[in-house]
Amino acid sequence: MSAKVIVIYESKYGSTKLVAEKIIEGMKRVKGIETCFKAYSIHCL
């Protein structure tokens, strides 16, 4: 069994990006987890 996890973040100054990176880093250690890391920009709306 596997799971897919996506972490979407928006970070104006970079601190939220660091947290999102750490979440992905931890998830990659779990067997059967496929991760995806995406930045979100409010300016794209």
N, C-alpha and C. Protein backbone atom coordinates (compact mmCIF):
# COMPACT_ATOMS: atom_id res chain seq x y z
N MET A 1 0.85 -1.19 0.00
CA MET A 1 0.00 0.00 0.00
C MET A 1 0.89 1.24 0.00
N SER A 2 0.50 2.22 -0.79
CA SER A 2 1.26 3.46 -0.83
C SER A 2 0.31 4.65 -0.71
N ALA A 3 0.89 5.77 -0.39
CA ALA A 3 0.12 7.00 -0.26
C ALA A 3 0.87 8.12 -0.96
N LYS A 4 0.13 9.07 -1.49
CA LYS A 4 0.71 10.24 -2.12
C LYS A 4 0.41 11.44 -1.24
N VAL A 5 1.44 12.22 -0.97
CA VAL A 5 1.29 13.40 -0.12
C VAL A 5 1.79 14.61 -0.90
N ILE A 6 1.01 15.66 -0.92
CA ILE A 6 1.44 16.91 -1.53
C ILE A 6 1.48 17.99 -0.44
N VAL A 7 2.57 18.73 -0.43
CA VAL A 7 2.71 19.84 0.51
C VAL A 7 2.69 21.11 -0.33
N ILE A 8 1.70 21.91 -0.10
CA ILE A 8 1.55 23.18 -0.81
C ILE A 8 1.74 24.30 0.21
N TYR A 9 2.56 25.26 -0.13
CA TYR A 9 2.84 26.32 0.83
C TYR A 9 2.90 27.67 0.11
N GLU A 10 2.75 28.72 0.88
CA GLU A 10 2.93 30.09 0.42
C GLU A 10 3.81 30.74 1.47
N SER A 11 4.89 31.32 1.04
CA SER A 11 5.84 31.88 2.00
C SER A 11 6.38 33.21 1.50
N LYS A 12 6.05 34.25 2.20
CA LYS A 12 6.49 35.59 1.82
C LYS A 12 7.96 35.82 2.18
N TYR A 13 8.37 35.33 3.35
CA TYR A 13 9.73 35.58 3.83
C TYR A 13 10.60 34.33 3.90
N GLY A 14 10.03 33.16 3.59
CA GLY A 14 10.83 31.95 3.55
C GLY A 14 10.69 31.00 4.72
N SER A 15 10.11 31.45 5.84
CA SER A 15 10.02 30.58 7.02
C SER A 15 9.03 29.43 6.80
N THR A 16 7.94 29.69 6.13
CA THR A 16 6.97 28.63 5.85
C THR A 16 7.56 27.62 4.86
N LYS A 17 8.37 28.09 3.93
CA LYS A 17 9.04 27.19 2.99
C LYS A 17 9.94 26.22 3.76
N LEU A 18 10.67 26.72 4.75
CA LEU A 18 11.54 25.85 5.54
C LEU A 18 10.75 24.76 6.26
N VAL A 19 9.60 25.13 6.81
CA VAL A 19 8.74 24.15 7.49
C VAL A 19 8.23 23.12 6.48
N ALA A 20 7.79 23.57 5.32
CA ALA A 20 7.29 22.66 4.29
C ALA A 20 8.39 21.70 3.84
N GLU A 21 9.61 22.19 3.70
CA GLU A 21 10.74 21.33 3.32
C GLU A 21 11.00 20.26 4.37
N LYS A 22 10.91 20.62 5.64
CA LYS A 22 11.11 19.67 6.73
C LYS A 22 10.01 18.62 6.75
N ILE A 23 8.80 19.02 6.45
CA ILE A 23 7.68 18.06 6.38
C ILE A 23 7.96 17.04 5.28
N ILE A 24 8.35 17.51 4.10
CA ILE A 24 8.67 16.62 2.99
C ILE A 24 9.84 15.71 3.35
N GLU A 25 10.84 16.27 3.97
CA GLU A 25 12.01 15.49 4.38
C GLU A 25 11.60 14.33 5.30
N GLY A 26 10.74 14.61 6.25
CA GLY A 26 10.25 13.56 7.16
C GLY A 26 9.38 12.54 6.46
N MET A 27 8.53 12.99 5.55
CA MET A 27 7.64 12.07 4.84
C MET A 27 8.42 11.13 3.93
N LYS A 28 9.52 11.58 3.37
CA LYS A 28 10.33 10.73 2.49
C LYS A 28 10.94 9.55 3.24
N ARG A 29 11.02 9.64 4.55
CA ARG A 29 11.57 8.56 5.38
C ARG A 29 10.56 7.44 5.61
N VAL A 30 9.29 7.69 5.31
CA VAL A 30 8.24 6.70 5.53
C VAL A 30 8.10 5.83 4.28
N LYS A 31 8.21 4.54 4.47
CA LYS A 31 8.11 3.60 3.35
C LYS A 31 6.72 3.67 2.73
N GLY A 32 6.68 3.72 1.40
CA GLY A 32 5.41 3.72 0.69
C GLY A 32 4.79 5.09 0.51
N ILE A 33 5.52 6.15 0.87
CA ILE A 33 4.99 7.50 0.72
C ILE A 33 5.65 8.16 -0.49
N GLU A 34 4.84 8.68 -1.39
CA GLU A 34 5.31 9.45 -2.53
C GLU A 34 4.99 10.91 -2.23
N THR A 35 5.99 11.78 -2.34
CA THR A 35 5.79 13.18 -1.98
C THR A 35 5.87 14.10 -3.18
N CYS A 36 5.23 15.26 -3.04
CA CYS A 36 5.25 16.31 -4.05
C CYS A 36 5.29 17.64 -3.31
N PHE A 37 6.13 18.53 -3.76
CA PHE A 37 6.37 19.80 -3.08
C PHE A 37 6.01 20.93 -4.04
N LYS A 38 5.04 21.77 -3.68
CA LYS A 38 4.59 22.83 -4.57
C LYS A 38 4.54 24.17 -3.85
N ALA A 39 5.03 25.19 -4.51
CA ALA A 39 4.92 26.55 -3.99
C ALA A 39 3.60 27.13 -4.50
N TYR A 40 3.01 27.97 -3.69
CA TYR A 40 1.76 28.64 -4.03
C TYR A 40 2.01 30.13 -3.92
N SER A 41 1.59 30.86 -4.90
CA SER A 41 1.74 32.31 -4.85
C SER A 41 0.38 32.97 -4.95
N ILE A 42 0.10 33.83 -4.02
CA ILE A 42 -1.17 34.56 -4.03
C ILE A 42 -1.22 35.48 -5.25
N HIS A 43 -0.06 35.81 -5.79
CA HIS A 43 0.01 36.70 -6.94
C HIS A 43 -0.45 36.03 -8.23
N CYS A 44 -0.61 34.71 -8.21
CA CYS A 44 -1.06 33.98 -9.40
C CYS A 44 -2.56 34.06 -9.58
N LEU A 45 -3.29 34.51 -8.58
CA LEU A 45 -4.76 34.56 -8.66
C LEU A 45 -5.24 35.76 -9.44
